[in-house]
Amino acid sequence: MPKKMINMNLTYTTDQSDERFIVFNLDGKILSKDDSKSITEEIDENIELGNINIILHLDQLDYINSTGLNFIISSFTKMRNAGGELVICAVSQKVSDLLVITKLNTIFTSFETLEEAKESFSNQISK
């Protein structure tokens, strides 16, 4: 069942309609640790439960700064360390530009659409 969390600048919903991965739909901005605190805690809880494959759906994420980049990097690292994977999809132009400038676009697996991310994730998991 989708769950919605609201913070000062960031709203997100989760969707685990496919047991192989969880989709986090982010909406708003990540400007401080407080903005990403709830989602970070939820990711940690999912790791403890063995849910170690995540798609960050970013089409409604308008802006991130270094704190937002740190959130994505640390989440990516946690998933990899747990034996899972984190991919991003539907990245807005502003966020995409920042990923290119920081060269993080070469680190993260990114897809144009949520459907492509789901399909690729399914293929990747079955290998």
N, C-alpha and C. Protein backbone atom coordinates (compact mmCIF):
# COMPACT_ATOMS: atom_id res chain seq x y z
N MET A 1 0.85 -1.18 0.00
CA MET A 1 0.00 0.00 0.00
C MET A 1 0.89 1.24 0.00
N PRO A 2 0.66 2.18 -0.90
CA PRO A 2 1.48 3.38 -0.94
C PRO A 2 1.40 4.16 0.36
N LYS A 3 2.53 4.71 0.74
CA LYS A 3 2.62 5.50 1.96
C LYS A 3 3.14 6.87 1.59
N LYS A 4 2.60 7.92 2.22
CA LYS A 4 3.03 9.28 1.90
C LYS A 4 3.63 9.92 3.14
N MET A 5 4.80 10.54 2.95
CA MET A 5 5.48 11.25 4.03
C MET A 5 5.69 12.70 3.60
N ILE A 6 5.48 13.62 4.53
CA ILE A 6 5.62 15.03 4.22
C ILE A 6 6.65 15.66 5.16
N ASN A 7 7.60 16.37 4.59
CA ASN A 7 8.59 17.13 5.34
C ASN A 7 8.45 18.59 4.93
N MET A 8 9.36 19.41 5.40
CA MET A 8 9.29 20.84 5.11
C MET A 8 9.34 21.10 3.59
N ASN A 9 10.36 20.60 2.91
CA ASN A 9 10.52 20.86 1.49
C ASN A 9 10.26 19.65 0.61
N LEU A 10 10.26 18.47 1.20
CA LEU A 10 10.18 17.23 0.43
C LEU A 10 8.97 16.41 0.84
N THR A 11 8.22 15.97 -0.15
CA THR A 11 7.14 15.01 0.05
C THR A 11 7.52 13.78 -0.74
N TYR A 12 7.20 12.60 -0.20
CA TYR A 12 7.46 11.40 -0.97
C TYR A 12 6.43 10.33 -0.67
N THR A 13 6.22 9.48 -1.65
CA THR A 13 5.36 8.32 -1.47
C THR A 13 6.19 7.09 -1.79
N THR A 14 5.79 5.98 -1.22
CA THR A 14 6.44 4.71 -1.54
C THR A 14 5.42 3.77 -2.16
N ASP A 15 5.93 2.91 -3.01
CA ASP A 15 5.08 1.92 -3.67
C ASP A 15 5.86 0.62 -3.75
N GLN A 16 5.32 -0.41 -3.12
CA GLN A 16 5.95 -1.72 -3.18
C GLN A 16 4.97 -2.72 -3.79
N SER A 17 4.36 -2.31 -4.90
CA SER A 17 3.40 -3.20 -5.57
C SER A 17 4.10 -4.38 -6.23
N ASP A 18 5.41 -4.27 -6.44
CA ASP A 18 6.23 -5.38 -6.94
C ASP A 18 7.19 -5.74 -5.82
N GLU A 19 7.15 -6.99 -5.38
CA GLU A 19 7.95 -7.39 -4.22
C GLU A 19 9.46 -7.35 -4.46
N ARG A 20 9.88 -7.20 -5.71
CA ARG A 20 11.31 -7.20 -6.00
C ARG A 20 11.99 -5.87 -5.70
N PHE A 21 11.22 -4.79 -5.61
CA PHE A 21 11.80 -3.48 -5.34
C PHE A 21 10.74 -2.53 -4.78
N ILE A 22 11.23 -1.42 -4.21
CA ILE A 22 10.36 -0.37 -3.69
C ILE A 22 10.63 0.88 -4.52
N VAL A 23 9.56 1.57 -4.89
CA VAL A 23 9.68 2.83 -5.60
C VAL A 23 9.44 3.97 -4.60
N PHE A 24 10.39 4.90 -4.53
CA PHE A 24 10.24 6.11 -3.75
C PHE A 24 10.00 7.25 -4.74
N ASN A 25 8.82 7.86 -4.70
CA ASN A 25 8.46 8.98 -5.57
C ASN A 25 8.72 10.27 -4.81
N LEU A 26 9.75 11.02 -5.19
CA LEU A 26 10.13 12.23 -4.48
C LEU A 26 9.52 13.46 -5.15
N ASP A 27 9.07 14.40 -4.33
CA ASP A 27 8.43 15.61 -4.83
C ASP A 27 8.90 16.80 -3.98
N GLY A 28 9.50 17.79 -4.62
CA GLY A 28 9.92 18.99 -3.90
C GLY A 28 11.40 19.24 -4.02
N LYS A 29 12.02 19.52 -2.86
CA LYS A 29 13.44 19.88 -2.82
C LYS A 29 14.11 19.19 -1.64
N ILE A 30 15.40 18.91 -1.79
CA ILE A 30 16.21 18.44 -0.66
C ILE A 30 17.28 19.50 -0.45
N LEU A 31 17.11 20.28 0.62
CA LEU A 31 18.01 21.38 0.91
C LEU A 31 18.74 21.22 2.24
N SER A 32 18.23 20.33 3.10
CA SER A 32 18.85 20.14 4.41
C SER A 32 18.69 18.69 4.83
N LYS A 33 19.42 18.31 5.87
CA LYS A 33 19.29 16.95 6.39
C LYS A 33 17.87 16.68 6.88
N ASP A 34 17.21 17.71 7.41
CA ASP A 34 15.84 17.54 7.88
C ASP A 34 14.91 17.13 6.74
N ASP A 35 15.17 17.64 5.53
CA ASP A 35 14.32 17.29 4.38
C ASP A 35 14.40 15.81 4.05
N SER A 36 15.57 15.21 4.23
CA SER A 36 15.74 13.81 3.85
C SER A 36 15.73 12.85 5.04
N LYS A 37 15.49 13.37 6.23
CA LYS A 37 15.55 12.53 7.44
C LYS A 37 14.55 11.37 7.40
N SER A 38 13.29 11.64 7.09
CA SER A 38 12.26 10.59 7.10
C SER A 38 12.54 9.52 6.05
N ILE A 39 12.91 9.95 4.85
CA ILE A 39 13.16 8.99 3.78
C ILE A 39 14.42 8.17 4.09
N THR A 40 15.42 8.79 4.70
CA THR A 40 16.63 8.05 5.09
C THR A 40 16.29 6.98 6.12
N GLU A 41 15.45 7.34 7.10
CA GLU A 41 15.04 6.37 8.12
C GLU A 41 14.24 5.23 7.49
N GLU A 42 13.38 5.56 6.53
CA GLU A 42 12.59 4.52 5.88
C GLU A 42 13.46 3.59 5.05
N ILE A 43 14.46 4.13 4.39
CA ILE A 43 15.40 3.29 3.63
C ILE A 43 16.14 2.36 4.59
N ASP A 44 16.60 2.89 5.72
CA ASP A 44 17.28 2.06 6.72
C ASP A 44 16.37 0.94 7.23
N GLU A 45 15.11 1.26 7.48
CA GLU A 45 14.15 0.25 7.93
C GLU A 45 13.97 -0.84 6.88
N ASN A 46 13.90 -0.44 5.62
CA ASN A 46 13.74 -1.41 4.54
C ASN A 46 14.96 -2.32 4.42
N ILE A 47 16.13 -1.78 4.62
CA ILE A 47 17.35 -2.62 4.60
C ILE A 47 17.26 -3.68 5.70
N GLU A 48 16.84 -3.25 6.89
CA GLU A 48 16.69 -4.19 8.01
C GLU A 48 15.68 -5.29 7.70
N LEU A 49 14.65 -4.96 6.91
CA LEU A 49 13.62 -5.93 6.54
C LEU A 49 14.02 -6.77 5.33
N GLY A 50 15.19 -6.46 4.74
CA GLY A 50 15.65 -7.21 3.59
C GLY A 50 15.18 -6.66 2.26
N ASN A 51 14.55 -5.50 2.27
CA ASN A 51 14.11 -4.84 1.03
C ASN A 51 15.27 -3.97 0.55
N ILE A 52 16.12 -4.54 -0.30
CA ILE A 52 17.39 -3.88 -0.62
C ILE A 52 17.48 -3.41 -2.07
N ASN A 53 16.37 -3.32 -2.74
CA ASN A 53 16.36 -2.82 -4.12
C ASN A 53 15.37 -1.67 -4.22
N ILE A 54 15.90 -0.50 -4.63
CA ILE A 54 15.10 0.72 -4.61
C ILE A 54 15.21 1.46 -5.94
N ILE A 55 14.07 2.03 -6.33
CA ILE A 55 14.04 2.97 -7.45
C ILE A 55 13.67 4.33 -6.88
N LEU A 56 14.52 5.34 -7.12
CA LEU A 56 14.19 6.71 -6.75
C LEU A 56 13.60 7.37 -8.00
N HIS A 57 12.31 7.65 -7.95
CA HIS A 57 11.59 8.29 -9.06
C HIS A 57 11.63 9.79 -8.81
N LEU A 58 12.39 10.51 -9.64
CA LEU A 58 12.74 11.90 -9.35
C LEU A 58 12.06 12.94 -10.24
N ASP A 59 11.02 12.56 -10.98
CA ASP A 59 10.44 13.52 -11.93
C ASP A 59 9.86 14.75 -11.26
N GLN A 60 9.48 14.67 -10.00
CA GLN A 60 8.92 15.82 -9.29
C GLN A 60 9.91 16.43 -8.29
N LEU A 61 11.15 15.94 -8.30
CA LEU A 61 12.18 16.53 -7.45
C LEU A 61 12.74 17.73 -8.19
N ASP A 62 12.37 18.93 -7.72
CA ASP A 62 12.71 20.16 -8.42
C ASP A 62 14.16 20.58 -8.26
N TYR A 63 14.71 20.34 -7.08
CA TYR A 63 16.04 20.89 -6.79
C TYR A 63 16.70 20.10 -5.66
N ILE A 64 18.00 19.91 -5.78
CA ILE A 64 18.80 19.39 -4.68
C ILE A 64 20.10 20.17 -4.63
N ASN A 65 20.66 20.26 -3.46
CA ASN A 65 21.98 20.86 -3.29
C ASN A 65 22.93 19.76 -2.84
N SER A 66 24.05 20.11 -2.25
CA SER A 66 25.02 19.09 -1.82
C SER A 66 24.42 18.14 -0.79
N THR A 67 23.52 18.62 0.03
CA THR A 67 22.86 17.75 1.01
C THR A 67 22.01 16.71 0.30
N GLY A 68 21.31 17.11 -0.73
CA GLY A 68 20.51 16.17 -1.52
C GLY A 68 21.37 15.16 -2.24
N LEU A 69 22.49 15.62 -2.79
CA LEU A 69 23.42 14.69 -3.43
C LEU A 69 23.96 13.70 -2.41
N ASN A 70 24.28 14.19 -1.22
CA ASN A 70 24.78 13.30 -0.17
C ASN A 70 23.74 12.25 0.21
N PHE A 71 22.47 12.64 0.26
CA PHE A 71 21.40 11.68 0.55
C PHE A 71 21.38 10.57 -0.50
N ILE A 72 21.45 10.93 -1.79
CA ILE A 72 21.40 9.93 -2.85
C ILE A 72 22.65 9.04 -2.80
N ILE A 73 23.81 9.64 -2.61
CA ILE A 73 25.06 8.86 -2.54
C ILE A 73 25.03 7.90 -1.35
N SER A 74 24.64 8.38 -0.19
CA SER A 74 24.64 7.51 0.99
C SER A 74 23.60 6.39 0.85
N SER A 75 22.44 6.70 0.25
CA SER A 75 21.42 5.66 0.03
C SER A 75 21.94 4.62 -0.95
N PHE A 76 22.59 5.07 -2.01
CA PHE A 76 23.19 4.19 -3.01
C PHE A 76 24.22 3.26 -2.34
N THR A 77 25.07 3.84 -1.50
CA THR A 77 26.11 3.08 -0.81
C THR A 77 25.50 2.05 0.14
N LYS A 78 24.48 2.46 0.88
CA LYS A 78 23.81 1.54 1.81
C LYS A 78 23.22 0.34 1.06
N MET A 79 22.56 0.61 -0.07
CA MET A 79 21.96 -0.48 -0.85
C MET A 79 23.04 -1.44 -1.36
N ARG A 80 24.11 -0.89 -1.89
CA ARG A 80 25.19 -1.73 -2.41
C ARG A 80 25.83 -2.55 -1.28
N ASN A 81 26.07 -1.92 -0.14
CA ASN A 81 26.66 -2.63 1.00
C ASN A 81 25.76 -3.74 1.53
N ALA A 82 24.45 -3.58 1.34
CA ALA A 82 23.48 -4.59 1.78
C ALA A 82 23.29 -5.67 0.72
N GLY A 83 23.96 -5.52 -0.42
CA GLY A 83 23.83 -6.50 -1.50
C GLY A 83 22.72 -6.18 -2.48
N GLY A 84 22.20 -4.98 -2.40
CA GLY A 84 21.11 -4.58 -3.27
C GLY A 84 21.54 -3.54 -4.28
N GLU A 85 20.54 -2.83 -4.78
CA GLU A 85 20.80 -1.84 -5.83
C GLU A 85 19.84 -0.67 -5.67
N LEU A 86 20.32 0.51 -6.04
CA LEU A 86 19.50 1.70 -6.10
C LEU A 86 19.68 2.30 -7.48
N VAL A 87 18.56 2.57 -8.15
CA VAL A 87 18.60 3.22 -9.46
C VAL A 87 17.73 4.47 -9.39
N ILE A 88 17.99 5.42 -10.29
CA ILE A 88 17.20 6.63 -10.34
C ILE A 88 16.52 6.71 -11.71
N CYS A 89 15.38 7.41 -11.76
CA CYS A 89 14.69 7.55 -13.03
C CYS A 89 13.94 8.86 -13.10
N ALA A 90 13.61 9.25 -14.33
CA ALA A 90 12.82 10.44 -14.62
C ALA A 90 13.40 11.67 -13.93
N VAL A 91 14.69 11.86 -14.10
CA VAL A 91 15.40 12.95 -13.44
C VAL A 91 15.07 14.28 -14.12
N SER A 92 14.70 15.28 -13.32
CA SER A 92 14.40 16.60 -13.87
C SER A 92 15.67 17.22 -14.45
N GLN A 93 15.51 18.21 -15.31
CA GLN A 93 16.67 18.82 -15.98
C GLN A 93 17.63 19.46 -14.99
N LYS A 94 17.12 20.17 -13.98
CA LYS A 94 17.99 20.82 -13.00
C LYS A 94 18.81 19.80 -12.23
N VAL A 95 18.17 18.73 -11.80
CA VAL A 95 18.88 17.69 -11.06
C VAL A 95 19.85 16.96 -11.98
N SER A 96 19.44 16.71 -13.20
CA SER A 96 20.31 16.06 -14.17
C SER A 96 21.57 16.89 -14.43
N ASP A 97 21.40 18.20 -14.58
CA ASP A 97 22.55 19.08 -14.79
C ASP A 97 23.54 18.98 -13.63
N LEU A 98 23.02 18.94 -12.41
CA LEU A 98 23.87 18.83 -11.23
C LEU A 98 24.62 17.49 -11.21
N LEU A 99 23.93 16.42 -11.58
CA LEU A 99 24.58 15.11 -11.64
C LEU A 99 25.70 15.09 -12.68
N VAL A 100 25.51 15.79 -13.79
CA VAL A 100 26.54 15.86 -14.83
C VAL A 100 27.73 16.68 -14.34
N ILE A 101 27.46 17.84 -13.75
CA ILE A 101 28.53 18.72 -13.26
C ILE A 101 29.40 17.99 -12.23
N THR A 102 28.77 17.21 -11.36
CA THR A 102 29.50 16.50 -10.30
C THR A 102 30.02 15.13 -10.76
N LYS A 103 29.69 14.78 -12.01
CA LYS A 103 30.07 13.50 -12.61
C LYS A 103 29.42 12.30 -11.91
N LEU A 104 28.41 12.56 -11.10
CA LEU A 104 27.69 11.46 -10.44
C LEU A 104 26.81 10.71 -11.43
N ASN A 105 26.56 11.30 -12.59
CA ASN A 105 25.80 10.60 -13.62
C ASN A 105 26.54 9.35 -14.10
N THR A 106 27.86 9.29 -13.86
CA THR A 106 28.63 8.11 -14.25
C THR A 106 28.59 7.03 -13.17
N ILE A 107 28.09 7.37 -11.99
CA ILE A 107 28.03 6.43 -10.87
C ILE A 107 26.67 5.75 -10.80
N PHE A 108 25.61 6.54 -10.91
CA PHE A 108 24.26 6.03 -10.76
C PHE A 108 23.72 5.43 -12.05
N THR A 109 22.96 4.35 -11.91
CA THR A 109 22.22 3.82 -13.04
C THR A 109 20.95 4.65 -13.14
N SER A 110 20.73 5.26 -14.30
CA SER A 110 19.62 6.17 -14.48
C SER A 110 18.80 5.77 -15.70
N PHE A 111 17.47 5.96 -15.60
CA PHE A 111 16.56 5.63 -16.68
C PHE A 111 15.65 6.82 -16.97
N GLU A 112 15.22 6.92 -18.22
CA GLU A 112 14.34 8.01 -18.64
C GLU A 112 12.98 7.95 -17.96
N THR A 113 12.43 6.74 -17.81
CA THR A 113 11.09 6.59 -17.26
C THR A 113 11.07 5.58 -16.12
N LEU A 114 10.01 5.66 -15.34
CA LEU A 114 9.81 4.70 -14.25
C LEU A 114 9.64 3.30 -14.81
N GLU A 115 8.91 3.17 -15.90
CA GLU A 115 8.68 1.85 -16.49
C GLU A 115 10.01 1.21 -16.94
N GLU A 116 10.90 2.00 -17.53
CA GLU A 116 12.20 1.47 -17.94
C GLU A 116 13.00 1.03 -16.72
N ALA A 117 12.94 1.79 -15.65
CA ALA A 117 13.65 1.43 -14.43
C ALA A 117 13.11 0.11 -13.87
N LYS A 118 11.79 -0.01 -13.82
CA LYS A 118 11.18 -1.24 -13.32
C LYS A 118 11.58 -2.43 -14.18
N GLU A 119 11.49 -2.26 -15.49
CA GLU A 119 11.83 -3.34 -16.41
C GLU A 119 13.30 -3.74 -16.27
N SER A 120 14.17 -2.77 -16.23
CA SER A 120 15.60 -3.04 -16.11
C SER A 120 15.91 -3.71 -14.77
N PHE A 121 15.27 -3.20 -13.72
CA PHE A 121 15.47 -3.77 -12.40
C PHE A 121 15.05 -5.23 -12.38
N SER A 122 13.92 -5.50 -12.99
CA SER A 122 13.43 -6.88 -13.05
C SER A 122 14.40 -7.77 -13.80
N ASN A 123 14.92 -7.27 -14.92
CA ASN A 123 15.91 -8.04 -15.69
C ASN A 123 17.19 -8.24 -14.91
N GLN A 124 17.63 -7.18 -14.22
CA GLN A 124 18.87 -7.23 -13.46
C GLN A 124 18.77 -8.22 -12.31
N ILE A 125 17.63 -8.21 -11.63
CA ILE A 125 17.44 -9.09 -10.47
C ILE A 125 17.38 -10.55 -10.90
N SER A 126 16.84 -10.82 -12.08
CA SER A 126 16.68 -12.21 -12.50
C SER A 126 17.97 -12.82 -13.02
N LYS A 127 19.01 -12.00 -13.20
CA LYS A 127 20.28 -12.52 -13.74
C LYS A 127 21.02 -13.31 -12.70
